PDB file of all heavy atoms in Angstrom:
ATOM      1  N   GLU A   1    -133.947 256.821  92.901  1.00  0.00           N
ATOM      2  CA  GLU A   1    -134.952 255.981  93.580  1.00  0.00           C
ATOM      3  C   GLU A   1    -134.812 254.528  93.136  1.00  0.00           C
ATOM      4  O   GLU A   1    -134.191 254.176  92.136  1.00  0.00           O
ATOM      5  CB  GLU A   1    -136.395 256.542  92.942  1.00  0.00           C
ATOM      6  CG  GLU A   1    -136.609 258.041  93.354  1.00  0.00           C
ATOM      7  CD  GLU A   1    -137.090 258.139  94.685  1.00  0.00           C
ATOM      8  OE1 GLU A   1    -137.533 257.046  95.444  1.00  0.00           O
ATOM      9  OE2 GLU A   1    -137.077 259.261  95.214  1.00  0.00           O
ATOM     10  N   THR A   2    -135.257 253.621  94.014  1.00  0.00           N
ATOM     11  CA  THR A   2    -135.356 252.200  93.688  1.00  0.00           C
ATOM     12  C   THR A   2    -136.616 251.654  93.938  1.00  0.00           C
ATOM     13  O   THR A   2    -137.744 252.427  93.986  1.00  0.00           O
ATOM     14  CB  THR A   2    -134.381 251.470  94.553  1.00  0.00           C
ATOM     15  OG1 THR A   2    -134.885 251.606  95.905  1.00  0.00           O
ATOM     16  CG2 THR A   2    -132.955 252.188  94.701  1.00  0.00           C
ATOM     17  N   ILE A   3    -136.777 250.353  94.093  1.00  0.00           N
ATOM     18  CA  ILE A   3    -138.096 249.692  94.095  1.00  0.00           C
ATOM     19  C   ILE A   3    -138.887 249.952  95.365  1.00  0.00           C
ATOM     20  O   ILE A   3    -139.951 249.720  95.655  1.00  0.00           O
ATOM     21  CB  ILE A   3    -138.001 248.132  93.839  1.00  0.00           C
ATOM     22  CG1 ILE A   3    -137.139 247.526  95.017  1.00  0.00           C
ATOM     23  CG2 ILE A   3    -137.515 247.882  92.538  1.00  0.00           C
ATOM     24  CD1 ILE A   3    -137.187 245.966  94.880  1.00  0.00           C
ATOM     25  N   GLY A   4    -138.072 250.336  96.495  1.00  0.00           N
ATOM     26  CA  GLY A   4    -138.755 250.516  97.773  1.00  0.00           C
ATOM     27  C   GLY A   4    -137.966 251.253  98.823  1.00  0.00           C
ATOM     28  O   GLY A   4    -136.659 251.590  98.413  1.00  0.00           O
ATOM     29  N   ARG A   5    -138.315 251.511  99.888  1.00  0.00           N
ATOM     30  CA  ARG A   5    -137.495 252.197 100.952  1.00  0.00           C
ATOM     31  C   ARG A   5    -136.582 251.279 101.615  1.00  0.00           C
ATOM     32  O   ARG A   5    -136.566 250.002 101.434  1.00  0.00           O
ATOM     33  CB  ARG A   5    -138.506 252.748 102.046  1.00  0.00           C
ATOM     34  CG  ARG A   5    -139.587 253.686 101.500  1.00  0.00           C
ATOM     35  CD  ARG A   5    -140.567 254.154 102.479  1.00  0.00           C
ATOM     36  NE  ARG A   5    -139.958 254.690 103.840  1.00  0.00           N
ATOM     37  CZ  ARG A   5    -140.660 254.979 104.863  1.00  0.00           C
ATOM     38  NH1 ARG A   5    -142.005 254.759 104.830  1.00  0.00           N
ATOM     39  NH2 ARG A   5    -140.086 255.449 105.962  1.00  0.00           N
ATOM     40  N   ASP A   6    -135.586 251.838 102.249  1.00  0.00           N
ATOM     41  CA  ASP A   6    -134.494 251.172 102.942  1.00  0.00           C
ATOM     42  C   ASP A   6    -135.028 250.605 104.168  1.00  0.00           C
ATOM     43  O   ASP A   6    -135.409 251.363 105.148  1.00  0.00           O
ATOM     44  CB  ASP A   6    -133.305 252.074 103.181  1.00  0.00           C
ATOM     45  CG  ASP A   6    -132.056 251.140 103.676  1.00  0.00           C
ATOM     46  OD1 ASP A   6    -132.144 250.194 104.284  1.00  0.00           O
ATOM     47  OD2 ASP A   6    -130.845 251.713 103.358  1.00  0.00           O
ATOM     48  N   LEU A   7    -135.169 249.212 104.354  1.00  0.00           N
ATOM     49  CA  LEU A   7    -135.712 248.645 105.462  1.00  0.00           C
ATOM     50  C   LEU A   7    -135.009 249.013 106.735  1.00  0.00           C
ATOM     51  O   LEU A   7    -135.585 249.137 107.871  1.00  0.00           O
ATOM     52  CB  LEU A   7    -135.742 247.139 105.295  1.00  0.00           C
ATOM     53  CG  LEU A   7    -136.583 246.279 106.167  1.00  0.00           C
ATOM     54  CD1 LEU A   7    -137.920 246.610 106.061  1.00  0.00           C
ATOM     55  CD2 LEU A   7    -136.416 244.755 105.977  1.00  0.00           C
ATOM     56  N   ARG A   8    -133.575 249.206 106.606  1.00  0.00           N
ATOM     57  CA  ARG A   8    -132.793 249.433 107.931  1.00  0.00           C
ATOM     58  C   ARG A   8    -133.243 250.923 108.519  1.00  0.00           C
ATOM     59  O   ARG A   8    -132.944 251.146 109.606  1.00  0.00           O
ATOM     60  CB  ARG A   8    -131.485 249.481 107.541  1.00  0.00           C
ATOM     61  CG  ARG A   8    -130.881 248.061 107.117  1.00  0.00           C
ATOM     62  CD  ARG A   8    -129.545 248.194 106.481  1.00  0.00           C
ATOM     63  NE  ARG A   8    -129.476 248.984 105.301  1.00  0.00           N
ATOM     64  CZ  ARG A   8    -128.483 249.244 104.589  1.00  0.00           C
ATOM     65  NH1 ARG A   8    -127.283 248.686 104.905  1.00  0.00           N
ATOM     66  NH2 ARG A   8    -128.488 250.004 103.551  1.00  0.00           N
ATOM     67  N   GLU A   9    -133.634 251.784 107.569  1.00  0.00           N
ATOM     68  CA  GLU A   9    -133.855 253.273 108.016  1.00  0.00           C
ATOM     69  C   GLU A   9    -135.447 253.504 108.221  1.00  0.00           C
ATOM     70  O   GLU A   9    -135.819 254.547 108.606  1.00  0.00           O
ATOM     71  CB  GLU A   9    -133.390 254.204 106.936  1.00  0.00           C
ATOM     72  CG  GLU A   9    -131.881 253.885 106.680  1.00  0.00           C
ATOM     73  CD  GLU A   9    -131.436 254.875 105.548  1.00  0.00           C
ATOM     74  OE1 GLU A   9    -132.285 255.599 104.956  1.00  0.00           O
ATOM     75  OE2 GLU A   9    -130.144 254.885 105.289  1.00  0.00           O
ATOM     76  N   MET A  10    -136.258 252.439 107.967  1.00  0.00           N
ATOM     77  CA  MET A  10    -137.677 252.776 108.119  1.00  0.00           C
ATOM     78  C   MET A  10    -138.157 252.728 109.554  1.00  0.00           C
ATOM     79  O   MET A  10    -137.740 251.927 110.402  1.00  0.00           O
ATOM     80  CB  MET A  10    -138.523 251.629 107.326  1.00  0.00           C
ATOM     81  CG  MET A  10    -138.464 251.784 105.869  1.00  0.00           C
ATOM     82  SD  MET A  10    -139.398 250.316 105.165  1.00  0.00           S
ATOM     83  CE  MET A  10    -141.020 250.413 105.868  1.00  0.00           C
ATOM     84  N   GLN A  11    -138.984 253.605 109.979  1.00  0.00           N
ATOM     85  CA  GLN A  11    -139.649 253.688 111.278  1.00  0.00           C
ATOM     86  C   GLN A  11    -140.717 252.690 111.177  1.00  0.00           C
ATOM     87  O   GLN A  11    -141.653 252.813 110.306  1.00  0.00           O
ATOM     88  CB  GLN A  11    -140.068 255.066 111.628  1.00  0.00           C
ATOM     89  CG  GLN A  11    -140.647 255.175 113.022  1.00  0.00           C
ATOM     90  CD  GLN A  11    -141.153 256.575 113.353  1.00  0.00           C
ATOM     91  OE1 GLN A  11    -140.855 257.574 112.576  1.00  0.00           O
ATOM     92  NE2 GLN A  11    -141.790 256.659 114.408  1.00  0.00           N
ATOM     93  N   ARG A  12    -140.780 251.648 112.037  1.00  0.00           N
ATOM     94  CA  ARG A  12    -141.805 250.806 112.129  1.00  0.00           C
ATOM     95  C   ARG A  12    -143.118 251.315 112.398  1.00  0.00           C
ATOM     96  O   ARG A  12    -143.372 251.970 113.490  1.00  0.00           O
ATOM     97  CB  ARG A  12    -141.430 249.523 112.964  1.00  0.00           C
ATOM     98  CG  ARG A  12    -142.416 248.395 112.955  1.00  0.00           C
ATOM     99  CD  ARG A  12    -141.765 247.194 113.537  1.00  0.00           C
ATOM    100  NE  ARG A  12    -142.058 247.351 114.996  1.00  0.00           N
ATOM    101  CZ  ARG A  12    -143.059 246.914 115.653  1.00  0.00           C
ATOM    102  NH1 ARG A  12    -144.165 246.409 115.006  1.00  0.00           N
ATOM    103  NH2 ARG A  12    -143.101 247.040 117.063  1.00  0.00           N
ATOM    104  N   VAL A  13    -144.194 250.979 111.590  1.00  0.00           N
ATOM    105  CA  VAL A  13    -145.525 251.534 111.696  1.00  0.00           C
ATOM    106  C   VAL A  13    -146.422 250.276 111.913  1.00  0.00           C
ATOM    107  O   VAL A  13    -146.629 249.472 110.901  1.00  0.00           O
ATOM    108  CB  VAL A  13    -145.844 252.432 110.519  1.00  0.00           C
ATOM    109  CG1 VAL A  13    -147.398 252.744 110.631  1.00  0.00           C
ATOM    110  CG2 VAL A  13    -145.061 253.506 110.150  1.00  0.00           C
ATOM    111  N   PRO A  14    -146.884 250.004 113.079  1.00  0.00           N
ATOM    112  CA  PRO A  14    -147.738 248.788 113.279  1.00  0.00           C
ATOM    113  C   PRO A  14    -149.008 248.966 112.674  1.00  0.00           C
ATOM    114  O   PRO A  14    -149.527 250.066 112.434  1.00  0.00           O
ATOM    115  CB  PRO A  14    -147.695 248.611 114.748  1.00  0.00           C
ATOM    116  CG  PRO A  14    -147.526 250.175 115.310  1.00  0.00           C
ATOM    117  CD  PRO A  14    -146.618 250.722 114.217  1.00  0.00           C
ATOM    118  N   LEU A  15    -149.624 247.896 112.361  1.00  0.00           N
ATOM    119  CA  LEU A  15    -151.125 247.939 111.969  1.00  0.00           C
ATOM    120  C   LEU A  15    -151.951 248.423 113.107  1.00  0.00           C
ATOM    121  O   LEU A  15    -151.656 248.183 114.212  1.00  0.00           O
ATOM    122  CB  LEU A  15    -151.474 246.544 111.516  1.00  0.00           C
ATOM    123  CG  LEU A  15    -150.878 246.076 110.284  1.00  0.00           C
ATOM    124  CD1 LEU A  15    -151.324 244.505 110.069  1.00  0.00           C
ATOM    125  CD2 LEU A  15    -151.065 246.795 109.034  1.00  0.00           C
ATOM    126  N   ASP A  16    -152.931 249.221 112.580  1.00  0.00           N
ATOM    127  CA  ASP A  16    -153.772 249.806 113.625  1.00  0.00           C
ATOM    128  C   ASP A  16    -154.646 248.625 114.236  1.00  0.00           C
ATOM    129  O   ASP A  16    -154.908 247.747 113.720  1.00  0.00           O
ATOM    130  CB  ASP A  16    -154.776 250.773 112.887  1.00  0.00           C
ATOM    131  CG  ASP A  16    -155.617 251.637 113.938  1.00  0.00           C
ATOM    132  OD1 ASP A  16    -155.094 252.502 114.420  1.00  0.00           O
ATOM    133  OD2 ASP A  16    -156.642 251.255 114.047  1.00  0.00           O
ATOM    134  N   ALA A  17    -155.196 249.007 115.525  1.00  0.00           N
ATOM    135  CA  ALA A  17    -155.976 248.012 116.155  1.00  0.00           C
ATOM    136  C   ALA A  17    -157.138 247.648 115.366  1.00  0.00           C
ATOM    137  O   ALA A  17    -157.745 246.514 115.412  1.00  0.00           O
ATOM    138  CB  ALA A  17    -156.450 248.603 117.461  1.00  0.00           C
ATOM    139  N   ALA A  18    -157.640 248.596 114.666  1.00  0.00           N
ATOM    140  CA  ALA A  18    -158.900 248.307 113.813  1.00  0.00           C
ATOM    141  C   ALA A  18    -158.553 247.471 112.730  1.00  0.00           C
ATOM    142  O   ALA A  18    -159.320 246.512 112.330  1.00  0.00           O
ATOM    143  CB  ALA A  18    -159.467 249.552 113.287  1.00  0.00           C
ATOM    144  N   HIS A  19    -157.234 247.571 112.155  1.00  0.00           N
ATOM    145  CA  HIS A  19    -156.870 246.611 111.124  1.00  0.00           C
ATOM    146  C   HIS A  19    -156.679 245.241 111.676  1.00  0.00           C
ATOM    147  O   HIS A  19    -157.294 244.205 110.876  1.00  0.00           O
ATOM    148  CB  HIS A  19    -155.451 247.043 110.524  1.00  0.00           C
ATOM    149  CG  HIS A  19    -155.520 248.375 110.100  1.00  0.00           C
ATOM    150  ND1 HIS A  19    -154.313 249.165 109.911  1.00  0.00           N
ATOM    151  CD2 HIS A  19    -156.446 249.318 109.710  1.00  0.00           C
ATOM    152  CE1 HIS A  19    -154.539 250.403 109.384  1.00  0.00           C
ATOM    153  NE2 HIS A  19    -155.894 250.497 109.345  1.00  0.00           N
ATOM    154  N   VAL A  20    -156.238 245.108 112.805  1.00  0.00           N
ATOM    155  CA  VAL A  20    -156.063 243.848 113.444  1.00  0.00           C
ATOM    156  C   VAL A  20    -157.451 243.093 113.683  1.00  0.00           C
ATOM    157  O   VAL A  20    -157.568 241.902 113.414  1.00  0.00           O
ATOM    158  CB  VAL A  20    -155.061 243.843 114.646  1.00  0.00           C
ATOM    159  CG1 VAL A  20    -155.073 242.445 115.322  1.00  0.00           C
ATOM    160  CG2 VAL A  20    -153.718 244.401 114.322  1.00  0.00           C
ATOM    161  N   ALA A  21    -158.273 243.934 114.170  1.00  0.00           N
ATOM    162  CA  ALA A  21    -159.677 243.294 114.457  1.00  0.00           C
ATOM    163  C   ALA A  21    -160.278 242.976 113.129  1.00  0.00           C
ATOM    164  O   ALA A  21    -160.999 241.897 113.127  1.00  0.00           O
ATOM    165  CB  ALA A  21    -160.601 244.474 115.083  1.00  0.00           C
ATOM    166  N   ALA A  22    -160.124 243.662 112.056  1.00  0.00           N
ATOM    167  CA  ALA A  22    -160.821 243.154 110.879  1.00  0.00           C
ATOM    168  C   ALA A  22    -160.065 241.819 110.416  1.00  0.00           C
ATOM    169  O   ALA A  22    -160.811 240.953 109.784  1.00  0.00           O
ATOM    170  CB  ALA A  22    -160.502 244.260 109.800  1.00  0.00           C
ATOM    171  N   MET A  23    -158.782 241.660 110.692  1.00  0.00           N
ATOM    172  CA  MET A  23    -158.177 240.324 110.293  1.00  0.00           C
ATOM    173  C   MET A  23    -158.858 239.285 111.226  1.00  0.00           C
ATOM    174  O   MET A  23    -158.927 238.118 110.741  1.00  0.00           O
ATOM    175  CB  MET A  23    -156.751 240.565 110.421  1.00  0.00           C
ATOM    176  CG  MET A  23    -156.172 241.476 109.401  1.00  0.00           C
ATOM    177  SD  MET A  23    -154.179 241.281 109.191  1.00  0.00           S
ATOM    178  CE  MET A  23    -153.749 241.878 110.876  1.00  0.00           C
ATOM    179  N   ARG A  24    -158.911 239.579 112.416  1.00  0.00           N
ATOM    180  CA  ARG A  24    -159.294 238.477 113.277  1.00  0.00           C
ATOM    181  C   ARG A  24    -160.827 237.973 112.878  1.00  0.00           C
ATOM    182  O   ARG A  24    -161.125 236.747 113.122  1.00  0.00           O
ATOM    183  CB  ARG A  24    -159.410 238.982 114.858  1.00  0.00           C
ATOM    184  CG  ARG A  24    -158.012 239.249 115.290  1.00  0.00           C
ATOM    185  CD  ARG A  24    -158.122 239.413 116.803  1.00  0.00           C
ATOM    186  NE  ARG A  24    -156.733 239.842 117.331  1.00  0.00           N
ATOM    187  CZ  ARG A  24    -155.607 239.023 117.481  1.00  0.00           C
ATOM    188  NH1 ARG A  24    -155.827 237.874 117.168  1.00  0.00           N
ATOM    189  NH2 ARG A  24    -154.553 239.624 118.027  1.00  0.00           N
ATOM    190  N   ALA A  25    -161.592 238.792 112.377  1.00  0.00           N
ATOM    191  CA  ALA A  25    -162.895 238.505 111.962  1.00  0.00           C
ATOM    192  C   ALA A  25    -162.885 237.529 110.921  1.00  0.00           C
ATOM    193  O   ALA A  25    -163.893 236.707 110.707  1.00  0.00           O
ATOM    194  CB  ALA A  25    -163.654 239.719 111.601  1.00  0.00           C
ATOM    195  N   VAL A  26    -161.755 237.383 109.974  1.00  0.00           N
ATOM    196  CA  VAL A  26    -161.784 236.502 108.854  1.00  0.00           C
ATOM    197  C   VAL A  26    -160.639 235.431 108.970  1.00  0.00           C
ATOM    198  O   VAL A  26    -160.434 234.579 108.147  1.00  0.00           O
ATOM    199  CB  VAL A  26    -161.596 237.242 107.564  1.00  0.00           C
ATOM    200  CG1 VAL A  26    -162.887 238.094 107.307  1.00  0.00           C
ATOM    201  CG2 VAL A  26    -160.528 238.057 107.559  1.00  0.00           C
ATOM    202  N   GLY A  27    -159.770 235.478 109.968  1.00  0.00           N
ATOM    203  CA  GLY A  27    -158.682 234.786 110.083  1.00  0.00           C
ATOM    204  C   GLY A  27    -158.799 233.728 111.258  1.00  0.00           C
ATOM    205  O   GLY A  27    -159.895 233.616 111.822  1.00  0.00           O
ATOM    206  N   SER A  28    -157.685 232.996 111.639  1.00  0.00           N
ATOM    207  CA  SER A  28    -157.797 231.933 112.676  1.00  0.00           C
ATOM    208  C   SER A  28    -156.397 231.993 113.234  1.00  0.00           C
ATOM    209  O   SER A  28    -155.347 232.322 112.871  1.00  0.00           O
ATOM    210  CB  SER A  28    -158.080 230.701 112.106  1.00  0.00           C
ATOM    211  OG  SER A  28    -157.096 230.244 111.119  1.00  0.00           O
TER     212      SER A  28
END
């Protein structure tokens, strides 16, 4: 094991729409 997963083999998991909405409420 190492400090994290292999970026080349990771399946990209996008942030959920609800996560993005929460960020928009406090971001710009």
